[in-house]
Amino acid sequence: PSLSIDETVPALLDCEAFRDEYLLPFSAQLGRAAALDLPVLIEGEAGSGKRALAQYLHAQSANRLAPFCLMDCEQLSEREWKKMTQDVFSPVNSSGYTIFLRNVSALSLPLQKSVAQHLSDSAVTSRNRIIASANVPLEKAVGDGTFSSELYSVLGGIVFRIPPLRSRTAEIRRFAAALLDYYCRKNALPPLTFSEAACQALEAYRWPLNYTQLMQTVRQLALT
């Protein structure tokens, strides 16, 4: 189903040292997101940790004990959305949820407008915490005519733009070292470090799948 309670926790932010470094660009937004119950929009490339950040924000909010409900916009059809809005027990008609609209940019334009209208007219955003993610910059998409300005207005209360890993070259060594130490300790392995040549290779690589790819790469290195 495209709408479900999400009880799985992404592993990306499990490592505290990595998490602290990862969150540094967002210090101002994190404070606002914790203090204010505004809709949140998270933009970033594939593998940048949008879902992990959404669950982190949920865990830090006053709504932390509420169910975290994932709506997969890549699978959502207009027929299914209509059924949701007609179901009085659906999270989109209820209260007390954190609703995560995953990759909202995948919705068709007519469906974007329908979602915007329902979220506005039914006051869903005042009864639930709404977090949305997108793989593309939505402000630009609005200007290009490929994304609904109405939905952007509803979702863009607080905006997080996750920088791609290739733009944080100076931090890659710290990211990788933190992850390597974490996986060694987690699996009761002897401590390992990266050589200078390995560090340079990590910095030179473009990381098309970003932080998730780095995490998986370091984990595999630690366990082999």
Protein backbone atom coordinates (compact mmCIF):
# COMPACT_ATOMS: atom_id res chain seq x y z
CA PRO A 1 0.00 0.00 0.00
CA SER A 2 1.11 3.57 -0.63
CA LEU A 3 0.01 4.62 2.90
CA SER A 4 1.23 2.71 5.94
CA ILE A 5 2.56 3.08 9.48
CA ASP A 6 6.35 3.07 9.13
CA GLU A 7 8.05 1.37 12.07
CA THR A 8 11.37 0.73 10.33
CA VAL A 9 14.18 3.08 11.27
CA PRO A 10 16.77 4.01 8.59
CA ALA A 11 20.29 3.19 9.77
CA LEU A 12 21.92 6.30 8.31
CA LEU A 13 21.82 8.37 11.51
CA ASP A 14 22.52 5.55 14.00
CA CYS A 15 26.15 6.62 14.40
CA GLU A 16 26.14 9.62 16.75
CA ALA A 17 29.42 11.13 15.51
CA PHE A 18 28.27 10.82 11.89
CA ARG A 19 24.83 12.22 12.76
CA ASP A 20 26.29 15.29 14.47
CA GLU A 21 28.44 16.06 11.41
CA TYR A 22 25.58 15.36 8.98
CA LEU A 23 23.20 17.72 10.81
CA LEU A 24 25.62 20.67 11.06
CA PRO A 25 24.22 22.56 8.02
CA PHE A 26 20.73 22.45 9.51
CA SER A 27 21.26 23.86 13.01
CA ALA A 28 18.88 26.80 12.50
CA GLN A 29 16.11 24.74 10.90
CA LEU A 30 16.38 21.99 13.53
CA GLY A 31 15.57 24.42 16.30
CA ARG A 32 12.57 25.81 14.44
CA ALA A 33 11.31 22.36 13.49
CA ALA A 34 11.44 21.21 17.12
CA ALA A 35 9.76 24.34 18.49
CA LEU A 36 7.13 24.94 15.81
CA ASP A 37 4.53 22.52 14.50
CA LEU A 38 4.89 23.72 10.91
CA PRO A 39 4.94 21.51 7.81
CA VAL A 40 8.49 20.50 6.83
CA LEU A 41 9.88 20.02 3.32
CA ILE A 42 13.13 18.06 2.85
CA GLU A 43 14.87 18.31 -0.53
CA GLY A 44 17.85 16.25 -1.63
CA GLU A 45 19.23 13.81 -4.15
CA ALA A 46 18.82 10.04 -3.97
CA GLY A 47 20.64 8.60 -0.98
CA SER A 48 20.90 11.93 0.82
CA GLY A 49 18.97 10.69 3.87
CA LYS A 50 15.60 12.42 3.47
CA ARG A 51 13.62 9.66 5.17
CA ALA A 52 16.20 9.33 7.95
CA LEU A 53 16.04 13.08 8.55
CA ALA A 54 12.22 12.98 8.56
CA GLN A 55 12.23 10.28 11.24
CA TYR A 56 14.85 12.18 13.23
CA LEU A 57 12.66 15.32 13.15
CA HIS A 58 9.67 13.23 14.24
CA ALA A 59 11.66 11.76 17.15
CA GLN A 60 12.71 15.25 18.29
CA SER A 61 9.24 16.80 18.08
CA ALA A 62 6.37 17.09 20.54
CA ASN A 63 4.60 14.56 18.30
CA ARG A 64 7.28 11.91 18.91
CA LEU A 65 4.89 9.38 20.48
CA ALA A 66 2.47 9.58 17.54
CA PRO A 67 2.56 7.04 14.70
CA PHE A 68 4.92 7.89 11.82
CA CYS A 69 2.81 7.34 8.71
CA LEU A 70 4.56 6.99 5.34
CA MET A 71 2.77 7.93 2.13
CA ASP A 72 4.77 6.73 -0.87
CA CYS A 73 3.94 9.30 -3.53
CA GLU A 74 5.64 7.24 -6.25
CA GLN A 75 2.94 4.57 -5.81
CA LEU A 76 -0.02 6.80 -5.03
CA SER A 77 -2.71 6.86 -7.72
CA GLU A 78 -5.59 9.30 -8.03
CA ARG A 79 -8.03 6.46 -7.33
CA GLU A 80 -6.24 5.46 -4.13
CA TRP A 81 -5.98 9.08 -3.00
CA LYS A 82 -9.73 9.52 -3.52
CA LYS A 83 -10.40 6.43 -1.38
CA MET A 84 -8.13 7.81 1.38
CA THR A 85 -9.90 11.14 1.49
CA GLN A 86 -13.30 9.41 1.70
CA ASP A 87 -12.21 7.14 4.57
CA VAL A 88 -12.93 8.89 7.88
CA PHE A 89 -10.39 6.65 9.65
CA SER A 90 -7.55 7.40 7.22
CA PRO A 91 -4.62 9.39 8.68
CA VAL A 92 -5.33 12.13 6.13
CA ASN A 93 -8.71 12.65 7.84
CA SER A 94 -7.58 12.00 11.40
CA SER A 95 -5.51 13.65 14.11
CA GLY A 96 -2.28 12.94 15.95
CA TYR A 97 -0.12 11.49 13.17
CA THR A 98 3.17 12.48 11.64
CA ILE A 99 2.49 12.02 7.92
CA PHE A 100 5.56 11.72 5.70
CA LEU A 101 4.88 12.34 2.01
CA ARG A 102 7.81 10.54 0.45
CA ASN A 103 9.02 12.01 -2.87
CA VAL A 104 6.07 14.32 -3.32
CA SER A 105 7.62 15.51 -6.57
CA ALA A 106 6.59 12.17 -8.15
CA LEU A 107 2.88 13.07 -7.99
CA SER A 108 1.14 14.08 -11.21
CA LEU A 109 0.11 17.73 -11.44
CA PRO A 110 -3.63 16.98 -11.05
CA LEU A 111 -2.89 14.84 -7.99
CA GLN A 112 -0.62 17.55 -6.56
CA LYS A 113 -3.50 20.01 -6.76
CA SER A 114 -5.93 17.53 -5.21
CA VAL A 115 -3.54 16.84 -2.31
CA ALA A 116 -2.98 20.58 -1.79
CA GLN A 117 -6.72 21.23 -1.70
CA HIS A 118 -7.39 18.43 0.80
CA LEU A 119 -4.52 19.41 3.10
CA SER A 120 -5.72 23.02 3.09
CA ASP A 121 -9.48 22.54 3.26
CA SER A 122 -9.57 19.75 5.83
CA ALA A 123 -7.05 21.38 8.20
CA VAL A 124 -4.96 18.18 8.17
CA THR A 125 -1.83 20.26 8.70
CA SER A 126 -3.16 21.66 11.97
CA ARG A 127 -4.14 18.25 13.35
CA ASN A 128 -1.06 16.31 12.21
CA ARG A 129 2.64 16.94 11.59
CA ILE A 130 3.26 16.98 7.84
CA ILE A 131 6.75 16.22 6.50
CA ALA A 132 7.39 15.89 2.76
CA SER A 133 10.46 15.01 0.73
CA ALA A 134 11.44 15.70 -2.86
CA ASN A 135 14.28 14.59 -5.12
CA VAL A 136 14.28 17.91 -6.97
CA PRO A 137 14.26 21.58 -5.87
CA LEU A 138 10.52 22.31 -5.71
CA GLU A 139 10.82 26.09 -5.93
CA LYS A 140 12.48 25.66 -9.33
CA ALA A 141 9.88 23.05 -10.31
CA VAL A 142 7.13 25.54 -9.48
CA GLY A 143 8.82 28.09 -11.73
CA ASP A 144 9.12 25.49 -14.51
CA GLY A 145 5.43 24.64 -14.19
CA THR A 146 6.08 21.02 -13.17
CA PHE A 147 4.99 21.37 -9.54
CA SER A 148 1.89 22.92 -8.00
CA SER A 149 2.49 26.29 -6.36
CA GLU A 150 -0.48 25.57 -4.07
CA LEU A 151 1.09 22.36 -2.75
CA TYR A 152 4.47 24.04 -2.38
CA SER A 153 2.84 26.74 -0.25
CA VAL A 154 1.19 24.13 1.96
CA LEU A 155 4.35 22.06 2.47
CA GLY A 156 7.11 24.68 2.65
CA GLY A 157 6.77 25.88 6.24
CA ILE A 158 10.35 24.90 7.10
CA VAL A 159 12.65 23.78 4.28
CA PHE A 160 15.70 21.52 4.63
CA ARG A 161 17.96 21.30 1.57
CA ILE A 162 20.41 18.42 2.05
CA PRO A 163 23.70 19.15 0.26
CA PRO A 164 25.05 16.29 -1.86
CA LEU A 165 28.00 14.47 -0.33
CA ARG A 166 30.29 15.54 -3.19
CA SER A 167 29.85 19.15 -2.05
CA ARG A 168 31.17 18.30 1.45
CA THR A 169 34.60 17.02 0.42
CA ALA A 170 36.30 18.57 3.45
CA GLU A 171 34.09 16.49 5.74
CA ILE A 172 34.28 13.12 3.99
CA ARG A 173 37.26 11.97 6.06
CA ARG A 174 35.37 12.68 9.28
CA PHE A 175 32.22 11.02 7.96
CA ALA A 176 34.11 7.91 6.92
CA ALA A 177 36.22 7.71 10.10
CA ALA A 178 33.12 8.02 12.30
CA LEU A 179 31.33 5.27 10.39
CA LEU A 180 34.35 2.96 10.39
CA ASP A 181 34.78 3.35 14.16
CA TYR A 182 31.04 2.78 14.67
CA TYR A 183 30.90 -0.46 12.66
CA CYS A 184 34.05 -1.81 14.28
CA ARG A 185 32.65 -1.21 17.77
CA LYS A 186 29.17 -2.44 16.87
CA ASN A 187 30.56 -5.73 15.55
CA ALA A 188 33.26 -6.16 18.23
CA LEU A 189 36.04 -5.83 15.67
CA PRO A 190 39.55 -4.47 16.21
CA PRO A 191 39.85 -0.72 15.52
CA LEU A 192 40.56 0.20 11.90
CA THR A 193 41.66 3.43 10.22
CA PHE A 194 41.81 4.65 6.64
CA SER A 195 45.20 5.17 5.01
CA GLU A 196 45.99 8.52 3.40
CA ALA A 197 45.56 6.95 -0.04
CA ALA A 198 42.14 5.60 0.96
CA CYS A 199 41.09 9.01 2.27
CA GLN A 200 42.11 10.66 -0.98
CA ALA A 201 40.14 8.07 -2.95
CA LEU A 202 37.05 8.72 -0.83
CA GLU A 203 37.40 12.46 -1.41
CA ALA A 204 37.89 12.07 -5.16
CA TYR A 205 34.84 9.84 -5.70
CA ARG A 206 31.60 11.57 -6.76
CA TRP A 207 29.20 9.48 -4.57
CA PRO A 208 26.13 9.39 -6.87
CA LEU A 209 24.08 7.79 -4.07
CA ASN A 210 25.45 10.15 -1.46
CA TYR A 211 25.54 9.44 2.28
CA THR A 212 23.73 6.11 2.03
CA GLN A 213 26.35 4.86 -0.43
CA LEU A 214 29.17 6.01 1.85
CA MET A 215 27.57 4.27 4.83
CA GLN A 216 27.17 1.01 2.92
CA THR A 217 30.70 1.21 1.52
CA VAL A 218 32.31 1.76 4.93
CA ARG A 219 30.19 -0.96 6.52
CA GLN A 220 31.30 -3.44 3.86
CA LEU A 221 34.95 -2.46 4.34
CA ALA A 222 34.69 -2.90 8.10
CA LEU A 223 33.15 -6.35 7.82
CA THR A 224 35.47 -7.80 5.16
